[in-house]
Amino acid sequence: MPYNRKACSPSLKRNRNDSDTDFSDDDEEGGSGGCPKMTAQEEQRMFEREQQIAFSGRCTIGDPESCTQLRRDINYRCGPRPSTSYNTTAYLMNRDITHRHAVATPSSTAHVLNTHLPNQKRRVAQLRTKNFCAQYVQNGRKLVVSSQDEKIRFYCRNPEKSKYRSRYYQCNELRVDQCNWSILDTAVNQDGNLIAYSTWKDAVYIGRLDEQNHPQNADGQQNITWFPIEWNADAGQNQYAVFCCRFSDNSEQIVCGTSEYSIHVFDVEQRRRIRTIVNAHEDDVNSVCFAELGSNLIYSAGDDGLVKVWDKRAWSDGDVIPVGVFAGHRDGVTYVDSRQDERYLLSNSKDQTIKVWDLRKFSGREGVEATRACVQSQKWDYRWQPAPPGLCQAVAGDTSVMTLRGHSVLHTLVRAKFSPEKTGRRYIYTGCARGEVVVYDIVSGTVSRRLKGHQAVVRECDWHPEENEIVSSSWDGVTTVWTWDERAENNIAPFDTPYQFGDEDSCDELYQPIKKQQLRKRKTVAQRNQQCSSSTPFANFD
């Protein structure tokens, strides 16, 4: 079993000449763009201030012009700022929009959805293992969850019941061929007939899904066959991790990032590697994604604290260089996501921040060097240590549009994403090491929702593409779906007036409505008590 330096083992460097990525103490001294020195009192005050920020949330505007344009686009898509309290008008609009004969514009639909953000949890499954990935596939018809027990599980609703009364149930289960330590990432193409996964091995595994068949045949064998795509000629000697993998929109290619500092592109049909970007980053490549459907742009993020943009049209037989770089984080980047408009993207980092970037404004050499110096000077380990003070200081040359703080990135590569098109892409939501799902409002710059319910770090959460529903997977083994419930609204919003719950007002995830037989018994007992109280003790002696 390989030495996992990402999640459970001390960091190890490979035995090769990496002079340009030597993170020794000698490189930290004399760096012009490094972290400034602070006294012990200044560090303590900054640490206390960061603790307050982590629980209250904070937005810092880096580029007012781009931020204003982004917020104008959101307001055009979804109208005014939503309210956290229940609104009768919004309820009527929701009723009209959900009617099959109703005519609603995308902006009015987004306004109603944003008025009913998820606030109630419903448990989907609980396992005795860590969950790593959770995603909606096939346009939200199914839910796929990958875990550390070498299994990929599919969940779906009962199509015969209403979505409000139907719970998710497991409809398929796949066991992977090889799983070193854990399944690190899972990807399903748009058609839903191809699935790929990556683990701590220098290979990507692809399988074809058949919806007509059950997960196992009569002999107890799986109907799926995994095809590995390997790139290392000396496989078995030096195994590397594939932290992320993504399908292209036409399902012809897969792009992935590795612990070998490289990015690989594979041909799905021929099952071979067609492009490799050696030393794409100066450290592990933690995340890759396509800019949007049909785009030639690829975003990548790594432990060097940089986000890079690659254009496939510019690739040649020689050296491949990025068309642009975003710099401004003080530590490694765990995830990158596109807003699907070929203009804005976000990055989640170990410096406990989320940054939004404008594709038209890349970072200069000053920002890249300052970011590199800050990352090299970090001596803490996010896997088992708390975040150190000093991470709130701005980096010279930071070109980010805005910076969001209020969640915790510890223990694992926590992922953050933009909300779907149905919401006007107004929100940024992320997992959290405190067992929460944190939802940021880009327009107001505040935390709109803090969904608490897990007992361990939430590594990935995903927003339903058509409904206001968020799924979250955690290291406590629980997969939870968050939906909106009027009865839980006052319980979620801490500034609302207290609400007295009755027998039918419970918002607990195990809530069960009172059965009719129990209601009859209660009515019968109540009627008897009322008759007894109305009669007098001397009524029989008249």
Protein backbone atom coordinates (compact mmCIF):
# COMPACT_ATOMS: atom_id res chain seq x y z
CA MET A 1 0.00 0.00 0.00
CA PRO A 2 1.47 3.37 -0.97
CA TYR A 3 2.32 6.02 1.55
CA ASN A 4 -0.59 8.43 1.60
CA ARG A 5 0.79 11.88 2.32
CA LYS A 6 -2.54 13.55 1.58
CA ALA A 7 -4.71 12.27 4.35
CA CYS A 8 -3.13 10.02 6.93
CA SER A 9 0.65 9.86 6.71
CA PRO A 10 3.57 12.27 7.04
CA SER A 11 4.58 14.12 3.90
CA LEU A 12 7.20 12.44 1.77
CA LYS A 13 9.01 13.76 -1.27
CA ARG A 14 10.08 11.56 -4.12
CA ASN A 15 13.73 10.77 -4.65
CA ARG A 16 14.30 12.93 -7.67
CA ASN A 17 16.00 16.21 -8.43
CA ASP A 18 13.33 18.86 -7.80
CA SER A 19 15.50 21.90 -7.31
CA ASP A 20 12.75 24.27 -8.37
CA THR A 21 10.34 22.90 -5.77
CA ASP A 22 12.67 22.56 -2.80
CA PHE A 23 10.69 23.72 0.22
CA SER A 24 13.66 23.88 2.58
CA ASP A 25 14.24 26.54 5.21
CA ASP A 26 16.98 28.11 3.10
CA ASP A 27 14.42 29.16 0.49
CA GLU A 28 12.25 30.86 3.08
CA GLU A 29 14.90 33.32 4.20
CA GLY A 30 15.42 36.47 2.21
CA GLY A 31 12.30 36.00 0.07
CA SER A 32 11.16 39.41 -1.10
CA GLY A 33 7.54 38.31 -1.44
CA GLY A 34 7.33 36.09 1.63
CA CYS A 35 5.12 36.43 4.69
CA PRO A 36 6.05 39.45 6.85
CA LYS A 37 7.43 38.87 10.34
CA MET A 38 5.09 39.57 13.27
CA THR A 39 5.52 39.75 16.99
CA ALA A 40 3.89 37.23 19.32
CA GLN A 41 1.29 39.79 20.41
CA GLU A 42 0.38 40.63 16.81
CA GLU A 43 0.02 36.94 15.94
CA GLN A 44 -2.23 36.34 18.97
CA ARG A 45 -4.48 39.29 18.13
CA MET A 46 -4.71 38.19 14.50
CA PHE A 47 -5.47 34.60 15.54
CA GLU A 48 -8.34 35.74 17.79
CA ARG A 49 -9.67 37.94 15.02
CA GLU A 50 -9.56 35.03 12.54
CA GLN A 51 -11.45 32.82 14.99
CA GLN A 52 -14.27 35.37 15.11
CA ILE A 53 -14.27 35.66 11.33
CA ALA A 54 -14.46 31.88 10.92
CA PHE A 55 -17.81 31.73 12.70
CA SER A 56 -19.35 34.97 11.42
CA GLY A 57 -18.19 34.99 7.80
CA ARG A 58 -16.44 37.78 5.96
CA CYS A 59 -16.17 39.01 2.39
CA THR A 60 -13.23 41.08 1.13
CA ILE A 61 -13.56 42.78 -2.25
CA GLY A 62 -10.35 42.69 -4.23
CA ASP A 63 -11.54 44.04 -7.59
CA PRO A 64 -14.54 46.39 -7.19
CA GLU A 65 -15.12 46.69 -10.93
CA SER A 66 -15.32 42.96 -11.61
CA CYS A 67 -17.31 42.41 -8.42
CA THR A 68 -19.88 44.99 -9.48
CA GLN A 69 -20.23 43.37 -12.90
CA LEU A 70 -20.64 39.95 -11.32
CA ARG A 71 -23.35 41.16 -8.95
CA ARG A 72 -25.17 42.97 -11.74
CA ASP A 73 -25.25 39.76 -13.73
CA ILE A 74 -26.66 37.90 -10.73
CA ASN A 75 -29.33 40.52 -10.08
CA TYR A 76 -30.32 40.37 -13.73
CA ARG A 77 -30.68 36.60 -13.50
CA CYS A 78 -32.52 36.25 -10.22
CA GLY A 79 -33.89 39.63 -9.13
CA PRO A 80 -33.68 41.15 -5.63
CA ARG A 81 -32.02 39.70 -2.56
CA PRO A 82 -33.96 36.79 -1.05
CA SER A 83 -35.34 36.88 2.46
CA THR A 84 -34.62 34.22 5.08
CA SER A 85 -38.12 34.47 6.53
CA TYR A 86 -41.21 32.84 5.12
CA ASN A 87 -43.09 34.95 2.59
CA THR A 88 -46.66 34.32 1.46
CA THR A 89 -46.07 36.01 -1.87
CA ALA A 90 -43.09 33.77 -2.52
CA TYR A 91 -45.21 30.76 -1.62
CA LEU A 92 -47.86 31.76 -4.15
CA MET A 93 -45.18 32.32 -6.78
CA ASN A 94 -43.74 28.93 -6.01
CA ARG A 95 -47.17 27.34 -6.38
CA ASP A 96 -47.73 29.04 -9.72
CA ILE A 97 -44.31 28.20 -11.08
CA THR A 98 -44.51 24.54 -10.13
CA HIS A 99 -47.89 24.28 -11.86
CA ARG A 100 -47.46 22.48 -15.14
CA HIS A 101 -49.42 25.12 -17.09
CA ALA A 102 -47.71 28.07 -15.44
CA VAL A 103 -45.55 30.44 -17.44
CA ALA A 104 -42.50 31.61 -15.52
CA THR A 105 -39.35 33.39 -16.56
CA PRO A 106 -35.93 32.11 -15.46
CA SER A 107 -35.45 35.18 -13.26
CA SER A 108 -38.74 34.65 -11.40
CA THR A 109 -37.96 30.97 -10.97
CA ALA A 110 -34.53 31.80 -9.58
CA HIS A 111 -36.07 34.37 -7.23
CA VAL A 112 -38.45 31.78 -5.78
CA LEU A 113 -35.75 29.14 -5.42
CA ASN A 114 -33.45 31.62 -3.70
CA THR A 115 -36.24 32.47 -1.27
CA HIS A 116 -36.43 28.82 -0.20
CA LEU A 117 -32.86 27.79 0.46
CA PRO A 118 -32.36 24.31 1.96
CA ASN A 119 -32.64 24.21 5.73
CA GLN A 120 -33.78 20.70 6.72
CA LYS A 121 -31.75 17.51 6.65
CA ARG A 122 -32.87 14.05 5.67
CA ARG A 123 -30.51 11.15 6.05
CA VAL A 124 -29.96 9.04 2.94
CA ALA A 125 -27.57 6.40 4.29
CA GLN A 126 -25.15 5.78 7.12
CA LEU A 127 -22.04 3.65 6.59
CA ARG A 128 -19.23 2.47 8.80
CA THR A 129 -16.66 4.08 6.56
CA LYS A 130 -15.62 7.52 5.32
CA ASN A 131 -17.50 9.09 2.43
CA PHE A 132 -15.36 11.02 -0.02
CA CYS A 133 -17.49 12.01 -3.02
CA ALA A 134 -21.17 12.77 -3.56
CA GLN A 135 -22.59 14.03 -6.84
CA TYR A 136 -25.87 14.27 -8.70
CA VAL A 137 -25.76 12.50 -12.05
CA GLN A 138 -28.11 12.14 -15.01
CA ASN A 139 -29.46 15.64 -14.46
CA GLY A 140 -30.30 14.92 -10.85
CA ARG A 141 -32.15 11.66 -11.35
CA LYS A 142 -29.56 9.72 -9.39
CA LEU A 143 -27.08 10.30 -6.63
CA VAL A 144 -23.65 8.65 -6.61
CA VAL A 145 -21.54 8.32 -3.45
CA SER A 146 -18.04 6.83 -3.26
CA SER A 147 -16.54 5.67 0.02
CA GLN A 148 -13.40 4.28 1.56
CA ASP A 149 -14.81 0.74 1.65
CA GLU A 150 -14.02 0.29 -2.08
CA LYS A 151 -17.64 0.76 -3.15
CA ILE A 152 -19.56 3.23 -5.30
CA ARG A 153 -23.25 3.44 -4.44
CA PHE A 154 -26.12 4.87 -6.47
CA TYR A 155 -29.28 6.26 -4.89
CA CYS A 156 -32.55 7.33 -6.48
CA ARG A 157 -36.13 8.21 -5.54
CA ASN A 158 -39.26 6.23 -6.10
CA PRO A 159 -40.69 7.63 -9.36
CA GLU A 160 -44.23 6.65 -8.35
CA LYS A 161 -44.22 8.97 -5.33
CA SER A 162 -43.98 12.71 -4.98
CA LYS A 163 -40.51 14.12 -4.46
CA TYR A 164 -41.69 15.53 -1.13
CA ARG A 165 -42.75 12.12 0.18
CA SER A 166 -40.19 9.91 -1.51
CA ARG A 167 -36.89 9.11 0.16
CA TYR A 168 -33.69 8.09 -1.56
CA TYR A 169 -32.99 4.37 -1.65
CA GLN A 170 -29.95 2.47 -2.88
CA CYS A 171 -30.52 1.25 -6.42
CA ASN A 172 -27.03 0.10 -7.38
CA GLU A 173 -23.70 -0.78 -5.82
CA LEU A 174 -20.36 -1.20 -7.57
CA ARG A 175 -17.17 -2.58 -6.12
CA VAL A 176 -14.00 -1.18 -7.64
CA ASP A 177 -11.19 -3.42 -8.85
CA GLN A 178 -8.38 -1.61 -7.05
CA CYS A 179 -8.61 0.87 -4.22
CA ASN A 180 -5.43 1.94 -2.46
CA TRP A 181 -6.51 3.58 0.79
CA SER A 182 -9.68 5.13 -0.67
CA ILE A 183 -11.55 6.20 -3.78
CA LEU A 184 -10.33 9.77 -4.20
CA ASP A 185 -12.66 10.97 -6.96
CA THR A 186 -15.56 9.78 -9.09
CA ALA A 187 -16.82 11.13 -12.41
CA VAL A 188 -19.89 10.26 -14.49
CA ASN A 189 -20.42 11.59 -18.01
CA GLN A 190 -23.48 13.60 -19.03
CA ASP A 191 -25.27 10.66 -20.63
CA GLY A 192 -24.84 8.63 -17.46
CA ASN A 193 -23.48 5.54 -19.21
CA LEU A 194 -19.79 5.94 -18.33
CA ILE A 195 -18.21 6.14 -14.90
CA ALA A 196 -14.59 6.72 -13.92
CA TYR A 197 -12.82 6.68 -10.58
CA SER A 198 -9.33 7.41 -9.32
CA THR A 199 -7.39 6.22 -6.33
CA TRP A 200 -3.85 6.12 -4.99
CA LYS A 201 -2.50 4.52 -8.16
CA ASP A 202 -1.07 5.81 -11.41
CA ALA A 203 -4.17 4.87 -13.41
CA VAL A 204 -7.74 5.92 -14.12
CA TYR A 205 -10.44 3.24 -14.17
CA ILE A 206 -13.39 3.47 -16.56
CA GLY A 207 -16.53 1.34 -16.64
CA ARG A 208 -19.73 1.30 -18.68
CA LEU A 209 -23.03 1.46 -16.82
CA ASP A 210 -26.00 -0.55 -17.99
CA GLU A 211 -29.29 0.68 -16.51
CA GLN A 212 -31.19 -2.33 -17.78
CA ASN A 213 -29.22 -4.76 -15.65
CA HIS A 214 -28.96 -5.11 -11.94
CA PRO A 215 -25.65 -4.57 -10.17
CA GLN A 216 -25.19 -8.32 -9.92
CA ASN A 217 -26.24 -11.16 -12.15
CA ALA A 218 -27.51 -14.57 -11.13
CA ASP A 219 -23.99 -15.80 -10.33
CA GLY A 220 -23.40 -12.89 -7.98
CA GLN A 221 -20.90 -11.24 -10.33
CA GLN A 222 -20.92 -7.55 -11.17
CA ASN A 223 -22.19 -6.58 -14.61
CA ILE A 224 -19.65 -3.75 -14.86
CA THR A 225 -16.10 -4.25 -16.09
CA TRP A 226 -13.37 -1.78 -15.14
CA PHE A 227 -10.77 -0.85 -17.73
CA PRO A 228 -7.60 0.73 -16.29
CA ILE A 229 -5.72 3.42 -18.21
CA GLU A 230 -2.16 3.52 -16.94
CA TRP A 231 0.55 6.01 -17.83
CA ASN A 232 3.51 4.77 -15.82
CA ALA A 233 5.63 2.21 -17.67
CA ASP A 234 7.12 1.03 -14.39
CA ALA A 235 3.77 0.48 -12.71
CA GLY A 236 4.08 -1.11 -9.30
CA GLN A 237 7.43 0.46 -8.44
CA ASN A 238 6.43 4.10 -7.92
CA GLN A 239 2.70 4.56 -7.48
CA TYR A 240 1.21 8.02 -7.52
CA ALA A 241 -2.22 9.32 -6.62
CA VAL A 242 -4.84 10.66 -9.02
CA PHE A 243 -6.68 13.23 -6.92
CA CYS A 244 -9.25 14.31 -9.53
CA CYS A 245 -10.75 13.22 -12.85
CA ARG A 246 -13.34 14.82 -15.12
CA PHE A 247 -15.10 13.84 -18.36
CA SER A 248 -15.27 16.23 -21.30
CA ASP A 249 -18.74 17.28 -22.44
CA ASN A 250 -18.67 14.84 -25.38
CA SER A 251 -17.35 12.00 -23.16
CA GLU A 252 -14.41 11.47 -25.51
CA GLN A 253 -11.68 12.53 -23.08
CA ILE A 254 -10.83 12.44 -19.38
CA VAL A 255 -8.55 14.96 -17.71
CA CYS A 256 -6.97 14.25 -14.34
CA GLY A 257 -4.46 15.73 -11.89
CA THR A 258 -1.86 13.68 -10.04
CA SER A 259 0.58 13.75 -7.16
CA GLU A 260 3.32 13.64 -9.79
CA TYR A 261 2.75 17.39 -10.34
CA SER A 262 1.34 16.56 -13.79
CA ILE A 263 -1.92 16.73 -15.75
CA HIS A 264 -2.93 13.86 -18.03
CA VAL A 265 -5.55 13.69 -20.79
CA PHE A 266 -6.84 10.27 -21.85
CA ASP A 267 -8.84 9.04 -24.81
CA VAL A 268 -11.88 7.15 -23.51
CA GLU A 269 -12.62 5.06 -26.60
CA GLN A 270 -9.04 3.96 -27.25
CA ARG A 271 -8.16 3.88 -23.54
CA ARG A 272 -4.78 5.52 -23.94
CA ARG A 273 -3.01 8.68 -22.88
CA ILE A 274 -2.98 11.41 -25.53
CA ARG A 275 -1.42 14.34 -23.62
CA THR A 276 0.71 14.85 -20.53
CA ILE A 277 1.71 18.19 -19.02
CA VAL A 278 4.80 17.43 -16.98
CA ASN A 279 5.35 19.69 -13.96
CA ALA A 280 2.10 21.50 -14.58
CA HIS A 281 2.36 22.70 -10.97
CA GLU A 282 5.20 22.81 -8.49
CA ASP A 283 3.36 20.42 -6.17
CA ASP A 284 0.40 18.02 -6.19
CA VAL A 285 -2.38 18.82 -8.66
CA ASN A 286 -5.50 18.59 -6.48
CA SER A 287 -8.25 19.64 -8.88
CA VAL A 288 -8.99 20.07 -12.60
CA CYS A 289 -12.15 21.05 -14.48
CA PHE A 290 -13.36 22.28 -17.87
CA ALA A 291 -14.37 25.93 -18.20
CA GLU A 292 -17.81 25.03 -19.58
CA LEU A 293 -19.52 22.71 -22.03
CA GLY A 294 -17.73 22.67 -25.36
CA SER A 295 -14.88 24.82 -24.06
CA ASN A 296 -11.22 24.24 -24.82
CA LEU A 297 -10.13 25.80 -21.53
CA ILE A 298 -9.06 23.66 -18.57
CA TYR A 299 -8.59 24.98 -15.03
CA SER A 300 -6.16 23.33 -12.63
CA ALA A 301 -5.18 23.98 -9.00
CA GLY A 302 -2.41 22.56 -6.86
CA ASP A 303 -0.59 22.63 -3.57
CA ASP A 304 1.67 25.37 -4.90
CA GLY A 305 -1.17 27.82 -4.23
CA LEU A 306 -1.69 28.66 -7.93
CA VAL A 307 -4.64 28.29 -10.27
CA LYS A 308 -3.68 27.84 -13.93
CA VAL A 309 -5.64 28.09 -17.17
CA TRP A 310 -4.78 25.81 -20.10
CA ASP A 311 -6.01 26.07 -23.68
CA LYS A 312 -6.07 22.81 -25.62
CA ARG A 313 -5.92 24.71 -28.91
CA ALA A 314 -2.49 26.05 -27.98
CA TRP A 315 -1.02 22.64 -27.25
CA SER A 316 1.73 21.50 -29.53
CA ASP A 317 4.32 18.75 -29.65
CA GLY A 318 6.72 20.87 -27.63
CA ASP A 319 6.44 22.37 -24.18
CA VAL A 320 2.94 23.20 -22.96
CA ILE A 321 2.57 26.41 -21.00
CA PRO A 322 -0.55 27.87 -19.35
CA VAL A 323 -2.29 30.82 -20.97
CA GLY A 324 -2.73 32.47 -17.56
CA VAL A 325 -2.12 32.08 -13.82
CA PHE A 326 -4.12 33.26 -10.80
CA ALA A 327 -2.13 33.96 -7.64
CA GLY A 328 -3.15 35.24 -4.21
CA HIS A 329 -3.60 32.27 -1.88
CA ARG A 330 -1.28 31.75 1.05
CA ASP A 331 -1.44 27.95 0.92
CA GLY A 332 -2.33 25.06 -1.36
CA VAL A 333 -5.58 25.06 -3.37
CA THR A 334 -7.89 22.10 -2.74
CA TYR A 335 -10.53 22.62 -5.44
CA VAL A 336 -11.37 24.74 -8.47
CA ASP A 337 -14.80 25.21 -10.06
CA SER A 338 -16.11 27.12 -13.07
CA ARG A 339 -19.17 29.37 -13.15
CA GLN A 340 -19.89 27.96 -16.62
CA ASP A 341 -19.71 31.37 -18.29
CA GLU A 342 -16.03 31.36 -19.37
CA ARG A 343 -15.46 34.39 -17.22
CA TYR A 344 -15.50 33.57 -13.50
CA LEU A 345 -14.10 30.69 -11.50
CA LEU A 346 -13.45 29.96 -7.83
CA SER A 347 -10.77 28.24 -5.81
CA ASN A 348 -10.93 26.78 -2.30
CA SER A 349 -7.70 26.80 -0.32
CA LYS A 350 -6.02 25.52 2.82
CA ASP A 351 -5.60 29.16 3.87
CA GLN A 352 -9.30 28.90 4.87
CA THR A 353 -10.55 31.13 2.03
CA ILE A 354 -12.49 30.92 -1.19
CA LYS A 355 -11.42 33.29 -3.95
CA VAL A 356 -13.37 34.27 -7.06
CA TRP A 357 -11.33 35.08 -10.18
CA ASP A 358 -12.01 36.98 -13.39
CA LEU A 359 -10.69 35.22 -16.48
CA ARG A 360 -9.85 38.59 -18.07
CA LYS A 361 -7.45 39.57 -15.28
CA PHE A 362 -4.57 37.18 -14.74
CA SER A 363 -1.95 37.65 -12.05
CA GLY A 364 1.46 39.08 -12.81
CA ARG A 365 4.90 37.88 -11.87
CA GLU A 366 4.77 39.75 -8.57
CA GLY A 367 1.70 37.87 -7.41
CA VAL A 368 3.07 34.50 -8.51
CA GLU A 369 6.35 35.00 -6.68
CA ALA A 370 4.60 36.29 -3.55
CA THR A 371 2.24 33.32 -3.53
CA ARG A 372 5.09 30.88 -4.03
CA ALA A 373 7.03 32.44 -1.14
CA CYS A 374 4.01 32.33 1.19
CA VAL A 375 3.25 28.69 0.40
CA GLN A 376 6.84 27.66 0.91
CA SER A 377 6.95 29.40 4.30
CA GLN A 378 3.96 27.45 5.67
CA LYS A 379 5.07 24.84 8.20
CA TRP A 380 1.73 23.57 9.49
CA ASP A 381 0.00 20.37 8.33
CA TYR A 382 -3.68 20.84 7.58
CA ARG A 383 -4.37 17.12 8.06
CA TRP A 384 -4.07 17.17 11.86
CA GLN A 385 -3.17 20.70 12.93
CA PRO A 386 -5.42 23.79 13.31
CA ALA A 387 -4.94 26.69 10.94
CA PRO A 388 -2.14 29.01 12.13
CA PRO A 389 -2.54 32.78 12.53
CA GLY A 390 -1.54 35.14 9.76
CA LEU A 391 -3.59 33.59 6.96
CA CYS A 392 -5.82 36.66 6.66
CA GLN A 393 -3.07 38.91 5.40
CA ALA A 394 -3.35 39.87 1.74
CA VAL A 395 -0.69 38.72 -0.71
CA ALA A 396 1.01 41.28 -2.91
CA GLY A 397 -0.25 41.06 -6.48
CA ASP A 398 -3.53 39.31 -5.58
CA THR A 399 -5.95 39.81 -8.52
CA SER A 400 -8.96 37.97 -7.09
CA VAL A 401 -12.42 39.52 -7.40
CA MET A 402 -13.44 38.67 -3.82
CA THR A 403 -12.31 36.55 -0.90
CA LEU A 404 -14.77 34.67 1.32
CA ARG A 405 -14.02 33.43 4.85
CA GLY A 406 -16.26 31.55 7.23
CA HIS A 407 -15.55 27.85 6.70
CA SER A 408 -12.74 25.54 7.72
CA VAL A 409 -10.51 23.54 5.34
CA LEU A 410 -8.80 20.82 7.36
CA HIS A 411 -8.10 17.06 7.28
CA THR A 412 -8.86 16.56 3.57
CA LEU A 413 -9.32 18.33 0.22
CA VAL A 414 -12.60 20.11 0.95
CA ARG A 415 -14.51 21.15 -2.19
CA ALA A 416 -16.42 24.36 -3.00
CA LYS A 417 -18.72 25.04 -5.97
CA PHE A 418 -21.02 27.57 -7.60
CA SER A 419 -24.76 27.03 -7.25
CA PRO A 420 -26.54 25.81 -10.42
CA GLU A 421 -28.09 27.87 -13.18
CA LYS A 422 -31.57 27.58 -11.65
CA THR A 423 -30.43 29.84 -8.80
CA GLY A 424 -28.77 32.35 -11.12
CA ARG A 425 -25.42 31.03 -9.82
CA ARG A 426 -25.84 33.44 -6.95
CA TYR A 427 -24.28 31.29 -4.24
CA ILE A 428 -21.00 29.58 -3.44
CA TYR A 429 -21.34 26.54 -1.22
CA THR A 430 -18.65 24.43 0.38
CA GLY A 431 -18.01 21.66 2.84
CA CYS A 432 -16.41 22.38 6.17
CA ALA A 433 -14.16 20.62 8.67
CA ARG A 434 -16.69 21.45 11.42
CA GLY A 435 -19.27 19.14 9.83
CA GLU A 436 -21.24 21.88 8.07
CA VAL A 437 -22.33 22.97 4.63
CA VAL A 438 -21.67 26.70 4.31
CA VAL A 439 -23.57 28.70 1.66
CA TYR A 440 -22.23 32.16 0.76
CA ASP A 441 -24.28 34.85 -0.97
CA ILE A 442 -22.13 36.56 -3.61
CA VAL A 443 -24.39 39.64 -3.76
CA SER A 444 -24.44 40.40 -0.05
CA GLY A 445 -21.10 38.80 0.80
CA THR A 446 -22.60 37.04 3.84
CA VAL A 447 -23.27 33.47 4.91
CA SER A 448 -26.84 32.66 3.86
CA ARG A 449 -26.95 29.16 5.29
CA ARG A 450 -24.86 27.16 7.72
CA LEU A 451 -26.27 23.63 7.54
CA LYS A 452 -25.13 21.73 10.63
CA GLY A 453 -25.70 18.04 11.13
CA HIS A 454 -22.54 16.02 10.49
CA GLN A 455 -20.13 14.80 13.15
CA ALA A 456 -16.99 14.97 10.97
CA VAL A 457 -15.56 16.90 8.05
CA VAL A 458 -17.79 17.35 5.01
CA ARG A 459 -15.51 16.73 2.04
CA GLU A 460 -17.95 17.28 -0.82
CA CYS A 461 -21.45 18.62 -1.27
CA ASP A 462 -23.44 19.00 -4.49
CA TRP A 463 -26.46 21.14 -5.44
CA HIS A 464 -29.27 19.53 -7.41
CA PRO A 465 -29.31 21.02 -10.95
CA GLU A 466 -33.12 21.44 -11.01
CA GLU A 467 -34.26 21.66 -7.40
CA ASN A 468 -33.26 23.41 -4.20
CA GLU A 469 -31.62 20.35 -2.74
CA ILE A 470 -28.06 19.84 -1.53
CA VAL A 471 -26.41 16.50 -0.81
CA SER A 472 -23.45 16.30 1.56
CA SER A 473 -21.08 13.42 2.27
CA SER A 474 -18.97 13.30 5.39
CA TRP A 475 -16.25 11.31 7.05
CA ASP A 476 -18.79 10.24 9.67
CA GLY A 477 -20.20 7.87 7.04
CA VAL A 478 -23.49 9.76 6.69
CA THR A 479 -24.93 10.97 3.39
CA THR A 480 -27.48 13.73 3.94
CA VAL A 481 -29.88 15.55 1.65
CA TRP A 482 -30.86 19.10 2.59
CA THR A 483 -34.21 20.50 1.46
CA TRP A 484 -36.36 23.49 2.35
CA ASP A 485 -39.05 23.17 5.01
CA GLU A 486 -41.17 26.04 6.29
CA ARG A 487 -41.38 24.50 9.77
CA ALA A 488 -37.57 24.51 10.09
CA GLU A 489 -37.09 28.07 8.89
CA ASN A 490 -37.33 29.69 12.31
CA ASN A 491 -35.14 26.97 13.72
CA ILE A 492 -32.38 27.63 11.16
CA ALA A 493 -32.40 31.44 11.15
CA PRO A 494 -30.87 32.40 14.55
CA PHE A 495 -32.23 35.96 14.51
CA ASP A 496 -35.91 35.04 14.12
CA THR A 497 -38.30 34.92 17.05
CA PRO A 498 -38.60 31.58 18.88
CA TYR A 499 -41.24 29.25 17.53
CA GLN A 500 -43.23 26.76 19.56
CA PHE A 501 -43.41 23.41 17.82
CA GLY A 502 -46.44 21.15 18.11
CA ASP A 503 -46.95 17.47 17.40
CA GLU A 504 -47.03 18.04 13.64
CA ASP A 505 -44.38 20.78 13.50
CA SER A 506 -41.27 18.72 14.12
CA CYS A 507 -38.42 19.21 11.64
CA ASP A 508 -36.37 16.25 12.83
CA GLU A 509 -34.97 14.07 10.06
CA LEU A 510 -36.65 11.00 11.60
CA TYR A 511 -39.98 12.77 11.80
CA GLN A 512 -42.95 10.51 11.12
CA PRO A 513 -46.49 11.86 10.79
CA ILE A 514 -49.05 10.64 13.31
CA LYS A 515 -51.01 7.71 11.93
CA LYS A 516 -54.76 7.84 11.57
CA GLN A 517 -55.28 5.09 14.16
CA GLN A 518 -53.30 7.05 16.72
CA LEU A 519 -55.28 10.17 15.87
CA ARG A 520 -58.55 8.26 16.44
CA LYS A 521 -57.31 7.03 19.83
CA ARG A 522 -56.33 10.54 20.83
CA LYS A 523 -59.70 11.92 19.79
CA THR A 524 -61.55 9.14 21.66
CA VAL A 525 -59.56 9.70 24.84
CA ALA A 526 -60.05 13.45 24.56
CA GLN A 527 -63.81 13.05 24.11
CA ARG A 528 -64.06 10.73 27.12
CA ASN A 529 -62.10 13.15 29.29
CA GLN A 530 -64.33 15.98 28.16
CA GLN A 531 -67.50 13.99 29.00
CA CYS A 532 -66.13 13.08 32.41
CA SER A 533 -65.20 16.67 33.21
CA SER A 534 -68.61 18.01 32.09
CA SER A 535 -70.66 15.54 34.19
CA THR A 536 -71.23 16.19 37.94
CA PRO A 537 -70.72 13.56 40.69
CA PHE A 538 -74.41 13.80 41.81
CA ALA A 539 -75.92 13.33 38.35
CA ASN A 540 -77.00 9.72 39.07
CA PHE A 541 -78.94 10.58 42.25
CA ASP A 542 -81.55 12.89 40.70
